[in-house]
């Protein structure tokens, strides 16, 4: 740290602005700021409570946007009125439209997939019914063949 005797007025001005500080000085300053922050907040809140008006604006997309307007006081002068960013509104609109489209497409996809599963189930049942009738006819034919062979053997034995 520099001694106070060696500090020139120009250098003193820069040090007052936070330039040419040592790390120890910076750490000490930050520690003091952290410790004093709650005290300053209490003082500011006790002096004048910040009253905000909430204005509800109807949006084009049937949504409501709340805009908070702080009251002007001696300490806080509003230079510019709060404004709603058009680009931000467009982004929200696009996000909502994108989300709605995604949800709609997901619902349509699920409906199509359930219809396809239902159709597949019907086809499987139809195939199983055809398989069962095929097996029944096959067994019937096998029984007929066995009966005819039995009759044939009887006839051969009689001759």
C-alpha atoms as a PDB file:
ATOM      1  CA  UNK A   1       0.000   0.000   0.000  1.00  0.00           C
ATOM      2  CA  UNK A   2       1.257   3.482  -0.802  1.00  0.00           C
ATOM      3  CA  UNK A   3       1.929   5.947   1.950  1.00  0.00           C
ATOM      4  CA  UNK A   4      -0.242   9.051   1.998  1.00  0.00           C
ATOM      5  CA  UNK A   5       2.760  11.335   1.546  1.00  0.00           C
ATOM      6  CA  UNK A   6       3.649   9.842  -1.877  1.00  0.00           C
ATOM      7  CA  UNK A   7       0.128  10.170  -3.328  1.00  0.00           C
ATOM      8  CA  UNK A   8      -0.142  12.903  -5.946  1.00  0.00           C
ATOM      9  CA  UNK A   9      -3.479  14.692  -6.462  1.00  0.00           C
ATOM     10  CA  UNK A  10      -3.969  12.956  -9.822  1.00  0.00           C
ATOM     11  CA  UNK A  11      -3.101   9.563  -8.368  1.00  0.00           C
ATOM     12  CA  UNK A  12      -5.344  10.310  -5.372  1.00  0.00           C
ATOM     13  CA  UNK A  13      -8.268  11.001  -7.723  1.00  0.00           C
ATOM     14  CA  UNK A  14      -7.725   7.667  -9.506  1.00  0.00           C
ATOM     15  CA  UNK A  15      -7.466   5.808  -6.193  1.00  0.00           C
ATOM     16  CA  UNK A  16     -10.736   7.382  -5.056  1.00  0.00           C
ATOM     17  CA  UNK A  17     -12.383   5.981  -8.189  1.00  0.00           C
ATOM     18  CA  UNK A  18     -11.090   2.498  -7.386  1.00  0.00           C
ATOM     19  CA  UNK A  19      -8.152   2.435  -9.768  1.00  0.00           C
ATOM     20  CA  UNK A  20      -4.672   1.343  -8.634  1.00  0.00           C
ATOM     21  CA  UNK A  21      -6.083  -0.548  -5.636  1.00  0.00           C
ATOM     22  CA  UNK A  22      -4.284  -3.542  -4.196  1.00  0.00           C
ATOM     23  CA  UNK A  23      -6.083  -6.858  -3.871  1.00  0.00           C
ATOM     24  CA  UNK A  24      -6.233  -6.401  -0.096  1.00  0.00           C
ATOM     25  CA  UNK A  25      -7.989  -3.046  -0.506  1.00  0.00           C
ATOM     26  CA  UNK A  26     -10.442  -4.500  -3.022  1.00  0.00           C
ATOM     27  CA  UNK A  27     -11.268  -7.411  -0.703  1.00  0.00           C
ATOM     28  CA  UNK A  28     -11.773  -5.050   2.233  1.00  0.00           C
ATOM     29  CA  UNK A  29     -14.060  -2.814   0.153  1.00  0.00           C
ATOM     30  CA  UNK A  30     -16.170  -5.787  -1.008  1.00  0.00           C
ATOM     31  CA  UNK A  31     -16.454  -7.071   2.552  1.00  0.00           C
ATOM     32  CA  UNK A  32     -17.650  -3.665   3.787  1.00  0.00           C
ATOM     33  CA  UNK A  33     -20.172  -3.461   0.931  1.00  0.00           C
ATOM     34  CA  UNK A  34     -21.551  -6.927   1.723  1.00  0.00           C
ATOM     35  CA  UNK A  35     -21.918  -6.129   5.411  1.00  0.00           C
ATOM     36  CA  UNK A  36     -23.600  -2.778   4.781  1.00  0.00           C
ATOM     37  CA  UNK A  37     -26.050  -3.974   2.092  1.00  0.00           C
ATOM     38  CA  UNK A  38     -28.767  -5.189   4.532  1.00  0.00           C
ATOM     39  CA  UNK A  39     -28.500  -1.972   6.556  1.00  0.00           C
ATOM     40  CA  UNK A  40     -28.908   0.186   3.450  1.00  0.00           C
ATOM     41  CA  UNK A  41     -31.875  -1.903   2.304  1.00  0.00           C
ATOM     42  CA  UNK A  42     -33.571  -1.438   5.694  1.00  0.00           C
ATOM     43  CA  UNK A  43     -33.023   2.326   5.591  1.00  0.00           C
ATOM     44  CA  UNK A  44     -34.394   2.657   2.063  1.00  0.00           C
ATOM     45  CA  UNK A  45     -37.447   0.534   2.862  1.00  0.00           C
ATOM     46  CA  UNK A  46     -38.135   2.452   6.079  1.00  0.00           C
ATOM     47  CA  UNK A  47     -37.896   5.861   4.408  1.00  0.00           C
ATOM     48  CA  UNK A  48     -40.232   5.381   1.509  1.00  0.00           C
ATOM     49  CA  UNK A  49     -41.998   2.161   0.533  1.00  0.00           C
ATOM     50  CA  UNK A  50     -41.910   1.560  -3.188  1.00  0.00           C
ATOM     51  CA  UNK A  51     -45.508   1.481  -4.324  1.00  0.00           C
ATOM     52  CA  UNK A  52     -46.151  -0.038  -7.688  1.00  0.00           C
ATOM     53  CA  UNK A  53     -49.247   0.127  -9.752  1.00  0.00           C
ATOM     54  CA  UNK A  54     -50.126  -2.956 -11.741  1.00  0.00           C
ATOM     55  CA  UNK A  55     -51.854  -2.366 -15.030  1.00  0.00           C
ATOM     56  CA  UNK A  56     -53.405  -5.329 -16.788  1.00  0.00           C
ATOM     57  CA  UNK A  57     -53.283  -5.036 -20.538  1.00  0.00           C
ATOM     58  CA  UNK A  58     -55.279  -7.314 -22.828  1.00  0.00           C
ATOM     59  CA  UNK A  59     -53.012  -9.074 -25.270  1.00  0.00           C
ATOM     60  CA  UNK A  60     -53.951  -9.926 -28.841  1.00  0.00           C
ATOM     61  CA  UNK A  61     -53.580 -13.617 -28.030  1.00  0.00           C
ATOM     62  CA  UNK A  62     -56.185 -13.548 -25.255  1.00  0.00           C
ATOM     63  CA  UNK A  63     -53.585 -13.381 -22.527  1.00  0.00           C
ATOM     64  CA  UNK A  64     -53.078 -10.729 -19.920  1.00  0.00           C
ATOM     65  CA  UNK A  65     -49.763  -8.978 -19.405  1.00  0.00           C
ATOM     66  CA  UNK A  66     -49.081  -7.253 -16.085  1.00  0.00           C
ATOM     67  CA  UNK A  67     -46.944  -4.136 -16.325  1.00  0.00           C
ATOM     68  CA  UNK A  68     -45.613  -2.767 -13.055  1.00  0.00           C
ATOM     69  CA  UNK A  69     -45.274   0.996 -12.943  1.00  0.00           C
ATOM     70  CA  UNK A  70     -43.312   2.362  -9.976  1.00  0.00           C
ATOM     71  CA  UNK A  71     -44.456   5.626  -8.456  1.00  0.00           C
ATOM     72  CA  UNK A  72     -42.125   8.565  -8.955  1.00  0.00           C
ATOM     73  CA  UNK A  73     -40.552  10.051  -5.877  1.00  0.00           C
ATOM     74  CA  UNK A  74     -37.824  12.542  -5.104  1.00  0.00           C
ATOM     75  CA  UNK A  75     -35.193   9.829  -5.017  1.00  0.00           C
ATOM     76  CA  UNK A  76     -36.264   7.786  -7.996  1.00  0.00           C
ATOM     77  CA  UNK A  77     -37.152   9.818 -11.029  1.00  0.00           C
ATOM     78  CA  UNK A  78     -38.538   7.876 -13.961  1.00  0.00           C
ATOM     79  CA  UNK A  79     -36.686   8.978 -17.057  1.00  0.00           C
ATOM     80  CA  UNK A  80     -38.551   6.733 -19.474  1.00  0.00           C
ATOM     81  CA  UNK A  81     -41.950   5.113 -18.988  1.00  0.00           C
ATOM     82  CA  UNK A  82     -41.928   1.320 -18.922  1.00  0.00           C
ATOM     83  CA  UNK A  83     -42.639  -0.123 -22.302  1.00  0.00           C
ATOM     84  CA  UNK A  84     -43.490  -3.563 -23.524  1.00  0.00           C
ATOM     85  CA  UNK A  85     -40.863  -4.811 -25.899  1.00  0.00           C
ATOM     86  CA  UNK A  86     -42.487  -5.767 -29.215  1.00  0.00           C
ATOM     87  CA  UNK A  87     -39.721  -8.210 -29.989  1.00  0.00           C
ATOM     88  CA  UNK A  88     -40.234  -9.896 -26.641  1.00  0.00           C
ATOM     89  CA  UNK A  89     -43.974 -10.156 -27.357  1.00  0.00           C
ATOM     90  CA  UNK A  90     -43.248 -11.680 -30.756  1.00  0.00           C
ATOM     91  CA  UNK A  91     -40.894 -14.208 -29.196  1.00  0.00           C
ATOM     92  CA  UNK A  92     -43.546 -15.149 -26.625  1.00  0.00           C
ATOM     93  CA  UNK A  93     -46.162 -15.397 -29.367  1.00  0.00           C
ATOM     94  CA  UNK A  94     -43.874 -17.570 -31.498  1.00  0.00           C
ATOM     95  CA  UNK A  95     -42.997 -19.744 -28.520  1.00  0.00           C
ATOM     96  CA  UNK A  96     -46.676 -20.173 -27.660  1.00  0.00           C
ATOM     97  CA  UNK A  97     -47.565 -20.873 -31.275  1.00  0.00           C
ATOM     98  CA  UNK A  98     -44.693 -23.336 -31.506  1.00  0.00           C
ATOM     99  CA  UNK A  99     -45.727 -25.049 -28.289  1.00  0.00           C
ATOM    100  CA  UNK A 100     -49.370 -25.203 -29.392  1.00  0.00           C
ATOM    101  CA  UNK A 101     -48.371 -26.616 -32.770  1.00  0.00           C
ATOM    102  CA  UNK A 102     -46.124 -29.148 -31.077  1.00  0.00           C
ATOM    103  CA  UNK A 103     -48.899 -30.176 -28.701  1.00  0.00           C
ATOM    104  CA  UNK A 104     -51.400 -30.425 -31.561  1.00  0.00           C
ATOM    105  CA  UNK A 105     -49.001 -32.523 -33.632  1.00  0.00           C
ATOM    106  CA  UNK A 106     -48.305 -34.757 -30.626  1.00  0.00           C
ATOM    107  CA  UNK A 107     -52.036 -35.266 -30.100  1.00  0.00           C
ATOM    108  CA  UNK A 108     -52.573 -36.000 -33.800  1.00  0.00           C
ATOM    109  CA  UNK A 109     -49.633 -38.409 -33.759  1.00  0.00           C
ATOM    110  CA  UNK A 110     -51.047 -40.212 -30.723  1.00  0.00           C
ATOM    111  CA  UNK A 111     -54.502 -40.413 -32.330  1.00  0.00           C
ATOM    112  CA  UNK A 112     -53.009 -41.823 -35.533  1.00  0.00           C
ATOM    113  CA  UNK A 113     -50.866 -44.295 -33.641  1.00  0.00           C
ATOM    114  CA  UNK A 114     -53.836 -45.471 -31.550  1.00  0.00           C
ATOM    115  CA  UNK A 115     -55.927 -45.859 -34.728  1.00  0.00           C
ATOM    116  CA  UNK A 116     -53.100 -47.836 -36.338  1.00  0.00           C
ATOM    117  CA  UNK A 117     -52.773 -50.027 -33.235  1.00  0.00           C
ATOM    118  CA  UNK A 118     -56.524 -50.644 -33.286  1.00  0.00           C
ATOM    119  CA  UNK A 119     -56.372 -51.556 -36.983  1.00  0.00           C
ATOM    120  CA  UNK A 120     -53.395 -53.831 -36.330  1.00  0.00           C
ATOM    121  CA  UNK A 121     -55.321 -55.515 -33.517  1.00  0.00           C
ATOM    122  CA  UNK A 122     -58.304 -56.119 -35.830  1.00  0.00           C
ATOM    123  CA  UNK A 123     -56.019 -57.583 -38.516  1.00  0.00           C
ATOM    124  CA  UNK A 124     -54.362 -59.884 -35.967  1.00  0.00           C
ATOM    125  CA  UNK A 125     -57.748 -61.110 -34.738  1.00  0.00           C
ATOM    126  CA  UNK A 126     -58.869 -61.727 -38.326  1.00  0.00           C
ATOM    127  CA  UNK A 127     -55.649 -63.645 -39.048  1.00  0.00           C
ATOM    128  CA  UNK A 128     -56.073 -65.756 -35.914  1.00  0.00           C
ATOM    129  CA  UNK A 129     -59.673 -66.561 -36.893  1.00  0.00           C
ATOM    130  CA  UNK A 130     -58.498 -67.631 -40.361  1.00  0.00           C
ATOM    131  CA  UNK A 131     -55.754 -69.746 -38.795  1.00  0.00           C
ATOM    132  CA  UNK A 132     -58.256 -71.427 -36.487  1.00  0.00           C
ATOM    133  CA  UNK A 133     -60.638 -72.229 -39.364  1.00  0.00           C
ATOM    134  CA  UNK A 134     -57.674 -73.541 -41.388  1.00  0.00           C
ATOM    135  CA  UNK A 135     -56.634 -75.850 -38.521  1.00  0.00           C
ATOM    136  CA  UNK A 136     -60.215 -77.027 -38.064  1.00  0.00           C
ATOM    137  CA  UNK A 137     -60.529 -77.882 -41.780  1.00  0.00           C
ATOM    138  CA  UNK A 138     -57.149 -79.624 -41.715  1.00  0.00           C
ATOM    139  CA  UNK A 139     -58.142 -81.738 -38.710  1.00  0.00           C
ATOM    140  CA  UNK A 140     -61.462 -82.554 -40.368  1.00  0.00           C
ATOM    141  CA  UNK A 141     -59.645 -83.677 -43.530  1.00  0.00           C
ATOM    142  CA  UNK A 142     -57.176 -85.756 -41.507  1.00  0.00           C
ATOM    143  CA  UNK A 143     -60.076 -87.435 -39.715  1.00  0.00           C
ATOM    144  CA  UNK A 144     -61.774 -88.124 -43.074  1.00  0.00           C
ATOM    145  CA  UNK A 145     -58.549 -89.614 -44.454  1.00  0.00           C
ATOM    146  CA  UNK A 146     -58.129 -91.821 -41.403  1.00  0.00           C
ATOM    147  CA  UNK A 147     -61.749 -93.006 -41.655  1.00  0.00           C
ATOM    148  CA  UNK A 148     -61.309 -93.811 -45.345  1.00  0.00           C
ATOM    149  CA  UNK A 149     -58.110 -95.737 -44.640  1.00  0.00           C
ATOM    150  CA  UNK A 150     -59.952 -97.653 -41.952  1.00  0.00           C
ATOM    151  CA  UNK A 151     -62.760 -98.459 -44.387  1.00  0.00           C
ATOM    152  CA  UNK A 152     -60.195 -99.482 -46.996  1.00  0.00           C
ATOM    153  CA  UNK A 153     -58.521-101.885 -44.575  1.00  0.00           C
ATOM    154  CA  UNK A 154     -61.897-103.374 -43.673  1.00  0.00           C
ATOM    155  CA  UNK A 155     -62.675-103.924 -47.335  1.00  0.00           C
ATOM    156  CA  UNK A 156     -59.295-105.499 -47.949  1.00  0.00           C
ATOM    157  CA  UNK A 157     -59.786-107.841 -45.038  1.00  0.00           C
ATOM    158  CA  UNK A 158     -63.186-108.860 -46.328  1.00  0.00           C
ATOM    159  CA  UNK A 159     -61.794-109.714 -49.740  1.00  0.00           C
END
